[in-house]
Amino acid sequence: MSQPENLRDPRIVAVANQKGGVGKTTTAINLGAGLVEQGKKVLVVDLDPQGNASTGLGVAPEDREYTTYDLLLDEIDPSLVIQATQIKNLSIVPANVDLSSADLELASNDNRLQILRSKLRSPQMVALGFDYILIDCPPSLNLLTVNAMVAANSVLVPLQSEFFALEGLSQLMLTIREVRQSANPDLRIEGIVLTMYDARNNLSQQVEADARENLGDLVFRTIVPRNVRVSEAPSFAIPVLDYDPQSKGAMAYRSLAEEFLKKHEPAIA
């Protein structure tokens, strides 16, 4: 069957920060849900062996027959590893603990940095018609994260509004620069999104001020507040946009999706 002429390559965004607990998975899930609300078809690729994005989108461990591990290490059609979620037009490639051994198994492959890129940019994947692919990276700068950066068009960095937040950013920026100089010259920084922000806290305000002073327009205007609804939503296996659509957290991620789209589709008002 011939491919429809209006299909275009999906935009691939790696959601990355080597520091854990900064809101990577929460951002991948809820930005994806926000993009779906805007009429987009979105795939989340869970690249973290903890599999939190998979759990957060309702894929139970026993239902993960095919995972990101299979996508990376087996000759398998991408459509077999993609699972629908409860949210229409939001799909996921789930992960489980098998992925923790992928680093070692990939190390002996001469093409180890390009494997995820070859799968996510394959004609079979393009034919599935996703507008955006969001990769939820593990909390380290390992071979999996580098694979994500080589596959991606851009890197989105969640930055927790806490002490030392900016210090870890320099190593991540260095890794992005190295990937750009070697395996993916077109890679760019999508932006920095401040997460877990507490407006009553002087430290949060100082982190924001420092980030905007040092990184300028790379910092999204949208700020994701510390919000109990955001924390509760994963236990119900749905994005906060569906769990409590009017909560501050949901409104923030909805705003982030709109701001994100304006960068790529300026006609959207």
Protein backbone atom coordinates (compact mmCIF):
# COMPACT_ATOMS: atom_id res chain seq x y z
CA MET A 1 0.00 0.00 0.00
CA SER A 2 1.43 3.38 -0.96
CA GLN A 3 2.09 5.95 1.73
CA PRO A 4 -0.29 8.96 1.80
CA GLU A 5 1.39 11.99 0.30
CA ASN A 6 0.50 14.27 3.21
CA LEU A 7 2.33 12.15 5.82
CA ARG A 8 5.38 13.89 7.22
CA ASP A 9 8.13 12.75 9.54
CA PRO A 10 7.13 13.06 13.19
CA ARG A 11 9.00 15.61 15.28
CA ILE A 12 11.05 13.69 17.84
CA VAL A 13 11.76 15.32 21.21
CA ALA A 14 13.97 13.77 23.90
CA VAL A 15 12.85 14.75 27.41
CA ALA A 16 16.12 14.57 29.30
CA ASN A 17 17.94 15.55 32.47
CA GLN A 18 20.51 13.28 34.11
CA LYS A 19 19.17 14.26 37.54
CA GLY A 20 16.31 12.12 38.83
CA GLY A 21 13.09 13.46 40.27
CA VAL A 22 12.91 16.62 38.18
CA GLY A 23 9.65 15.85 36.39
CA LYS A 24 10.85 14.18 33.17
CA THR A 25 8.21 11.46 33.09
CA THR A 26 5.47 13.80 34.31
CA THR A 27 6.41 16.26 31.58
CA ALA A 28 6.55 13.62 28.83
CA ILE A 29 3.12 12.24 29.79
CA ASN A 30 1.35 15.55 30.28
CA LEU A 31 2.94 17.43 27.39
CA GLY A 32 1.85 14.49 25.26
CA ALA A 33 -1.69 14.76 26.61
CA GLY A 34 -1.66 18.52 26.02
CA LEU A 35 -0.58 18.05 22.41
CA VAL A 36 -3.38 15.51 21.91
CA GLU A 37 -5.86 18.10 23.17
CA GLN A 38 -4.55 20.34 20.41
CA GLY A 39 -5.45 17.72 17.81
CA LYS A 40 -2.06 16.01 17.50
CA LYS A 41 -1.27 12.30 17.37
CA VAL A 42 1.47 11.56 19.90
CA LEU A 43 3.72 8.63 20.79
CA VAL A 44 5.58 8.45 24.11
CA VAL A 45 8.66 6.21 24.04
CA ASP A 46 9.52 4.98 27.54
CA LEU A 47 13.32 4.72 27.57
CA ASP A 48 13.65 4.40 31.35
CA PRO A 49 14.01 0.85 32.78
CA GLN A 50 11.84 1.93 35.72
CA GLY A 51 8.92 2.09 33.27
CA ASN A 52 7.18 4.94 35.08
CA ALA A 53 5.77 6.50 31.91
CA SER A 54 4.26 3.12 31.01
CA THR A 55 2.65 2.80 34.44
CA GLY A 56 1.52 6.43 34.37
CA LEU A 57 -0.30 5.81 31.08
CA GLY A 58 -2.02 2.67 32.30
CA VAL A 59 0.12 -0.14 30.86
CA ALA A 60 0.47 -2.76 33.60
CA PRO A 61 3.78 -4.69 33.79
CA GLU A 62 2.11 -7.94 32.74
CA ASP A 63 0.76 -6.24 29.61
CA ARG A 64 4.18 -5.19 28.30
CA GLU A 65 4.68 -8.08 25.90
CA TYR A 66 6.90 -6.04 23.61
CA THR A 67 8.93 -3.12 24.97
CA THR A 68 11.56 -0.55 24.12
CA TYR A 69 14.11 -3.31 24.68
CA ASP A 70 12.63 -5.24 21.74
CA LEU A 71 12.53 -2.08 19.63
CA LEU A 72 16.25 -1.48 20.23
CA LEU A 73 17.64 -5.00 20.08
CA ASP A 74 15.33 -7.04 17.86
CA GLU A 75 14.31 -6.79 14.23
CA ILE A 76 10.70 -6.04 15.02
CA ASP A 77 8.07 -3.95 13.26
CA PRO A 78 7.60 -0.75 15.31
CA SER A 79 3.82 -1.16 15.23
CA LEU A 80 4.14 -4.32 17.38
CA VAL A 81 5.73 -2.45 20.30
CA ILE A 82 3.26 0.47 20.29
CA GLN A 83 0.29 0.26 22.66
CA ALA A 84 -2.77 2.47 22.79
CA THR A 85 -3.57 4.22 26.07
CA GLN A 86 -6.88 5.31 27.57
CA ILE A 87 -6.31 8.67 25.89
CA LYS A 88 -7.31 8.69 22.22
CA ASN A 89 -4.35 9.50 19.92
CA LEU A 90 -1.83 9.08 22.76
CA SER A 91 0.18 5.86 22.42
CA ILE A 92 3.25 4.46 24.16
CA VAL A 93 6.17 2.13 23.60
CA PRO A 94 6.37 0.68 27.13
CA ALA A 95 9.50 -0.25 29.06
CA ASN A 96 10.43 -2.67 31.80
CA VAL A 97 13.52 -3.70 33.72
CA ASP A 98 14.87 -5.62 30.69
CA LEU A 99 15.98 -2.24 29.37
CA SER A 100 18.57 -1.96 32.16
CA SER A 101 20.80 -4.45 30.33
CA ALA A 102 20.46 -2.73 26.95
CA ASP A 103 23.53 -0.53 27.56
CA LEU A 104 25.79 -3.58 27.77
CA GLU A 105 24.18 -5.31 24.81
CA LEU A 106 24.36 -2.20 22.64
CA ALA A 107 28.01 -1.54 23.52
CA SER A 108 29.31 -4.21 21.14
CA ASN A 109 27.22 -2.93 18.22
CA ASP A 110 29.22 -0.77 15.79
CA ASN A 111 26.05 1.18 15.04
CA ARG A 112 25.09 1.54 18.72
CA LEU A 113 24.43 5.30 18.68
CA GLN A 114 22.10 5.15 15.67
CA ILE A 115 19.81 2.25 16.58
CA LEU A 116 16.90 4.20 18.08
CA ARG A 117 17.16 6.79 15.30
CA SER A 118 16.87 4.09 12.63
CA LYS A 119 13.74 2.69 14.30
CA LEU A 120 11.94 5.96 15.03
CA ARG A 121 12.71 7.45 11.61
CA SER A 122 11.93 4.30 9.64
CA PRO A 123 9.30 4.33 6.86
CA GLN A 124 7.21 1.94 8.98
CA MET A 125 7.12 4.46 11.84
CA VAL A 126 6.41 7.43 9.56
CA ALA A 127 3.51 5.48 8.04
CA LEU A 128 1.82 5.35 11.47
CA GLY A 129 1.15 9.07 11.21
CA PHE A 130 2.40 10.42 14.54
CA ASP A 131 2.88 14.18 14.70
CA TYR A 132 5.18 14.06 17.74
CA ILE A 133 7.29 11.40 19.44
CA LEU A 134 8.34 12.21 23.01
CA ILE A 135 11.17 10.11 24.46
CA ASP A 136 11.19 9.79 28.26
CA CYS A 137 14.91 9.37 28.96
CA PRO A 138 16.48 7.64 31.98
CA PRO A 139 18.02 9.83 34.73
CA SER A 140 21.58 9.43 33.47
CA LEU A 141 23.72 10.35 30.48
CA ASN A 142 24.17 6.76 29.38
CA LEU A 143 24.00 5.05 26.01
CA LEU A 144 20.20 5.05 26.09
CA THR A 145 20.04 8.82 26.57
CA VAL A 146 22.63 9.39 23.84
CA ASN A 147 20.56 7.15 21.53
CA ALA A 148 17.56 9.37 22.27
CA MET A 149 19.54 12.52 21.45
CA VAL A 150 20.84 11.04 18.20
CA ALA A 151 17.27 10.08 17.25
CA ALA A 152 15.72 13.41 18.25
CA ASN A 153 15.20 16.73 16.54
CA SER A 154 15.50 18.48 19.90
CA VAL A 155 15.95 18.07 23.65
CA LEU A 156 13.44 19.35 26.20
CA VAL A 157 14.94 19.79 29.68
CA PRO A 158 12.72 19.80 32.79
CA LEU A 159 14.50 21.80 35.49
CA GLN A 160 13.38 21.46 39.08
CA SER A 161 13.17 24.74 40.95
CA GLU A 162 15.64 23.84 43.68
CA PHE A 163 19.19 24.49 44.89
CA PHE A 164 21.95 23.15 42.55
CA ALA A 165 19.42 22.80 39.71
CA LEU A 166 21.55 24.78 37.26
CA GLU A 167 24.82 23.07 38.20
CA GLY A 168 23.82 19.74 36.67
CA LEU A 169 22.64 21.46 33.53
CA SER A 170 26.17 22.20 32.31
CA GLN A 171 27.00 18.49 31.89
CA LEU A 172 23.78 17.91 29.97
CA MET A 173 24.51 20.86 27.68
CA LEU A 174 28.01 19.47 27.09
CA THR A 175 26.56 16.10 26.09
CA ILE A 176 24.12 17.78 23.71
CA ARG A 177 27.01 19.71 22.16
CA GLU A 178 29.05 16.50 21.73
CA VAL A 179 26.14 14.71 20.06
CA ARG A 180 25.63 17.69 17.76
CA GLN A 181 29.31 17.66 16.78
CA SER A 182 29.37 13.95 16.06
CA ALA A 183 26.22 11.95 15.44
CA ASN A 184 23.38 14.47 15.03
CA PRO A 185 24.39 17.92 13.79
CA ASP A 186 20.75 19.04 13.54
CA LEU A 187 20.02 18.49 17.24
CA ARG A 188 18.84 21.60 19.05
CA ILE A 189 17.66 22.51 22.51
CA GLU A 190 13.88 22.66 22.50
CA GLY A 191 13.86 24.57 25.75
CA ILE A 192 14.06 24.46 29.52
CA VAL A 193 10.83 24.05 31.47
CA LEU A 194 10.81 24.94 35.16
CA THR A 195 8.99 22.28 37.21
CA MET A 196 7.86 21.86 40.83
CA TYR A 197 7.79 25.63 41.20
CA ASP A 198 6.58 27.12 44.48
CA ALA A 199 5.87 30.83 44.07
CA ARG A 200 5.91 31.28 47.87
CA ASN A 201 9.48 30.03 48.01
CA ASN A 202 12.29 32.55 47.51
CA LEU A 203 14.52 29.73 46.22
CA SER A 204 12.13 28.90 43.38
CA GLN A 205 12.06 32.57 42.39
CA GLN A 206 15.86 32.73 42.49
CA VAL A 207 16.24 29.60 40.34
CA GLU A 208 13.85 31.11 37.80
CA ALA A 209 15.73 34.41 37.79
CA ASP A 210 19.08 32.65 37.35
CA ALA A 211 17.74 30.39 34.59
CA ARG A 212 16.26 33.28 32.62
CA GLU A 213 19.39 35.38 33.07
CA ASN A 214 21.73 32.60 31.92
CA LEU A 215 19.57 30.85 29.34
CA GLY A 216 17.30 33.63 28.07
CA ASP A 217 14.69 32.58 25.54
CA LEU A 218 15.54 28.91 25.98
CA VAL A 219 13.41 28.97 29.14
CA PHE A 220 9.72 28.47 28.46
CA ARG A 221 7.44 31.18 29.74
CA THR A 222 5.18 28.48 31.16
CA ILE A 223 6.12 27.33 34.67
CA VAL A 224 4.82 24.06 36.13
CA PRO A 225 3.89 24.57 39.78
CA ARG A 226 4.26 22.09 42.59
CA ASN A 227 0.75 20.66 42.61
CA VAL A 228 -0.75 17.73 44.49
CA ARG A 229 -2.98 16.78 41.54
CA VAL A 230 0.10 16.28 39.36
CA SER A 231 1.49 13.92 42.00
CA GLU A 232 -1.77 12.00 42.36
CA ALA A 233 -2.53 11.46 38.67
CA PRO A 234 0.03 8.64 38.03
CA SER A 235 -1.61 6.44 40.68
CA PHE A 236 -4.78 6.61 38.57
CA ALA A 237 -2.72 5.83 35.43
CA ILE A 238 -3.86 8.92 33.53
CA PRO A 239 -2.35 12.37 32.79
CA VAL A 240 -3.27 15.18 35.15
CA LEU A 241 -5.08 16.86 32.24
CA ASP A 242 -7.64 14.05 32.43
CA TYR A 243 -7.45 13.42 36.18
CA ASP A 244 -8.26 17.02 37.15
CA PRO A 245 -8.51 19.22 34.03
CA GLN A 246 -8.98 22.44 36.01
CA SER A 247 -6.08 21.95 38.45
CA LYS A 248 -3.13 24.33 38.33
CA GLY A 249 -0.88 21.50 37.15
CA ALA A 250 -3.19 20.59 34.28
CA MET A 251 -3.53 24.20 33.20
CA ALA A 252 0.25 24.60 33.26
CA TYR A 253 0.87 21.58 31.03
CA ARG A 254 -1.92 22.69 28.71
CA SER A 255 -0.19 26.07 28.46
CA LEU A 256 3.18 24.36 27.87
CA ALA A 257 1.71 22.36 24.98
CA GLU A 258 0.32 25.54 23.42
CA GLU A 259 3.64 27.37 23.82
CA PHE A 260 5.49 24.35 22.40
CA LEU A 261 3.23 24.22 19.35
CA LYS A 262 3.59 27.95 18.67
CA LYS A 263 7.33 27.35 18.17
CA HIS A 264 6.65 24.78 15.46
CA GLU A 265 3.28 25.80 14.08
CA PRO A 266 3.15 29.61 14.37
CA ALA A 267 -0.32 29.76 12.81
CA ILE A 268 -1.73 28.34 16.04
CA ALA A 269 -2.97 31.29 18.09
